[in-house]
Amino acid sequence: MAKWIKQPTTVNNVYTTDANHVHDQGVPAAEWVINHNLNKKCGVTVVDSSNKVVIGQITYNSVNQVTLNFEGSFSGKAFFN
């Protein structure tokens, strides 16, 4: 005989409630000033237009803005979490 099993309860976890932001830098530049408005000092990952990770200098201007500096100009995306 089949037995009914109660549905699991979903509980909020820290990973699903955390805010994030994606910045699309369409114009090539060596300095990106980005307002992410996440109210925290975020982790940042940058990729160029061919999706290769780029390393640069991160300056936290405030909990809502960063400046990213690179050795050369390029376009790409910055992912904040």
C-alpha atoms as a PDB file:
ATOM      1  CA  MET A   1       0.000   0.000   0.000  1.00  0.00           C
ATOM      2  CA  ALA A   2       1.345   3.484  -0.922  1.00  0.00           C
ATOM      3  CA  LYS A   3       2.015   5.877   1.908  1.00  0.00           C
ATOM      4  CA  TRP A   4       1.642   9.649   1.561  1.00  0.00           C
ATOM      5  CA  ILE A   5       4.871  11.544   2.237  1.00  0.00           C
ATOM      6  CA  LYS A   6       4.667  15.160   3.359  1.00  0.00           C
ATOM      7  CA  GLN A   7       6.120  17.750   0.943  1.00  0.00           C
ATOM      8  CA  PRO A   8       9.462  19.194   2.096  1.00  0.00           C
ATOM      9  CA  THR A   9       9.459  22.698   3.486  1.00  0.00           C
ATOM     10  CA  THR A  10      11.621  25.252   1.692  1.00  0.00           C
ATOM     11  CA  VAL A  11      13.731  27.399   3.995  1.00  0.00           C
ATOM     12  CA  ASN A  12      15.541  30.571   2.945  1.00  0.00           C
ATOM     13  CA  ASN A  13      19.287  30.153   2.836  1.00  0.00           C
ATOM     14  CA  VAL A  14      22.031  32.753   2.644  1.00  0.00           C
ATOM     15  CA  TYR A  15      22.828  31.955  -1.000  1.00  0.00           C
ATOM     16  CA  THR A  16      19.375  32.627  -2.447  1.00  0.00           C
ATOM     17  CA  THR A  17      18.728  35.860  -0.549  1.00  0.00           C
ATOM     18  CA  ASP A  18      22.045  37.535  -1.381  1.00  0.00           C
ATOM     19  CA  ALA A  19      21.882  40.386  -3.895  1.00  0.00           C
ATOM     20  CA  ASN A  20      24.054  40.584  -7.014  1.00  0.00           C
ATOM     21  CA  HIS A  21      24.664  42.897  -9.968  1.00  0.00           C
ATOM     22  CA  VAL A  22      26.047  42.541 -13.506  1.00  0.00           C
ATOM     23  CA  HIS A  23      27.689  45.578 -15.121  1.00  0.00           C
ATOM     24  CA  ASP A  24      28.023  45.580 -18.912  1.00  0.00           C
ATOM     25  CA  GLN A  25      30.931  47.784 -20.044  1.00  0.00           C
ATOM     26  CA  GLY A  26      30.142  48.298 -23.730  1.00  0.00           C
ATOM     27  CA  VAL A  27      32.720  51.047 -24.386  1.00  0.00           C
ATOM     28  CA  PRO A  28      36.369  49.920 -24.031  1.00  0.00           C
ATOM     29  CA  ALA A  29      38.058  51.641 -21.071  1.00  0.00           C
ATOM     30  CA  ALA A  30      41.011  51.076 -18.728  1.00  0.00           C
ATOM     31  CA  GLU A  31      39.035  52.493 -15.776  1.00  0.00           C
ATOM     32  CA  TRP A  32      35.498  51.426 -14.948  1.00  0.00           C
ATOM     33  CA  VAL A  33      33.556  53.345 -12.285  1.00  0.00           C
ATOM     34  CA  ILE A  34      30.520  51.280 -11.336  1.00  0.00           C
ATOM     35  CA  ASN A  35      27.540  52.002  -9.099  1.00  0.00           C
ATOM     36  CA  HIS A  36      26.172  48.611  -8.032  1.00  0.00           C
ATOM     37  CA  ASN A  37      23.927  49.860  -5.165  1.00  0.00           C
ATOM     38  CA  LEU A  38      24.237  46.591  -3.206  1.00  0.00           C
ATOM     39  CA  ASN A  39      25.136  48.371   0.050  1.00  0.00           C
ATOM     40  CA  LYS A  40      28.191  46.170   0.689  1.00  0.00           C
ATOM     41  CA  LYS A  41      31.810  45.623  -0.370  1.00  0.00           C
ATOM     42  CA  CYS A  42      31.230  42.991  -3.039  1.00  0.00           C
ATOM     43  CA  GLY A  43      33.337  40.286  -4.523  1.00  0.00           C
ATOM     44  CA  VAL A  44      34.008  41.178  -8.172  1.00  0.00           C
ATOM     45  CA  THR A  45      34.773  38.989 -11.192  1.00  0.00           C
ATOM     46  CA  VAL A  46      35.590  40.675 -14.516  1.00  0.00           C
ATOM     47  CA  VAL A  47      35.529  39.090 -17.980  1.00  0.00           C
ATOM     48  CA  ASP A  48      36.386  40.616 -21.341  1.00  0.00           C
ATOM     49  CA  SER A  49      34.165  40.455 -24.438  1.00  0.00           C
ATOM     50  CA  SER A  50      35.467  36.941 -25.192  1.00  0.00           C
ATOM     51  CA  ASN A  51      34.581  35.774 -21.638  1.00  0.00           C
ATOM     52  CA  LYS A  52      38.196  35.531 -20.426  1.00  0.00           C
ATOM     53  CA  VAL A  53      38.772  36.527 -16.789  1.00  0.00           C
ATOM     54  CA  VAL A  54      40.691  39.797 -16.411  1.00  0.00           C
ATOM     55  CA  ILE A  55      42.638  40.775 -13.287  1.00  0.00           C
ATOM     56  CA  GLY A  56      42.728  44.420 -12.239  1.00  0.00           C
ATOM     57  CA  GLN A  57      42.856  46.751  -9.247  1.00  0.00           C
ATOM     58  CA  ILE A  58      39.631  47.157  -7.247  1.00  0.00           C
ATOM     59  CA  THR A  59      39.045  50.325  -5.227  1.00  0.00           C
ATOM     60  CA  TYR A  60      35.955  50.427  -3.011  1.00  0.00           C
ATOM     61  CA  ASN A  61      34.816  54.072  -3.208  1.00  0.00           C
ATOM     62  CA  SER A  62      31.838  53.288  -0.952  1.00  0.00           C
ATOM     63  CA  VAL A  63      29.589  50.330  -0.165  1.00  0.00           C
ATOM     64  CA  ASN A  64      27.705  51.149  -3.397  1.00  0.00           C
ATOM     65  CA  GLN A  65      30.480  52.109  -5.834  1.00  0.00           C
ATOM     66  CA  VAL A  66      33.783  50.654  -7.045  1.00  0.00           C
ATOM     67  CA  THR A  67      36.494  51.747  -9.457  1.00  0.00           C
ATOM     68  CA  LEU A  68      38.185  48.999 -11.472  1.00  0.00           C
ATOM     69  CA  ASN A  69      41.557  49.814 -13.076  1.00  0.00           C
ATOM     70  CA  PHE A  70      43.244  47.702 -15.752  1.00  0.00           C
ATOM     71  CA  GLU A  71      46.508  47.873 -17.720  1.00  0.00           C
ATOM     72  CA  GLY A  72      44.663  48.381 -21.013  1.00  0.00           C
ATOM     73  CA  SER A  73      41.270  49.352 -22.378  1.00  0.00           C
ATOM     74  CA  PHE A  74      38.689  46.667 -23.143  1.00  0.00           C
ATOM     75  CA  SER A  75      34.953  46.025 -22.967  1.00  0.00           C
ATOM     76  CA  GLY A  76      33.321  43.250 -20.974  1.00  0.00           C
ATOM     77  CA  LYS A  77      31.315  42.534 -17.855  1.00  0.00           C
ATOM     78  CA  ALA A  78      31.798  42.825 -14.112  1.00  0.00           C
ATOM     79  CA  PHE A  79      29.886  40.450 -11.833  1.00  0.00           C
ATOM     80  CA  PHE A  80      29.230  41.587  -8.241  1.00  0.00           C
ATOM     81  CA  ASN A  81      28.018  39.409  -5.385  1.00  0.00           C
END
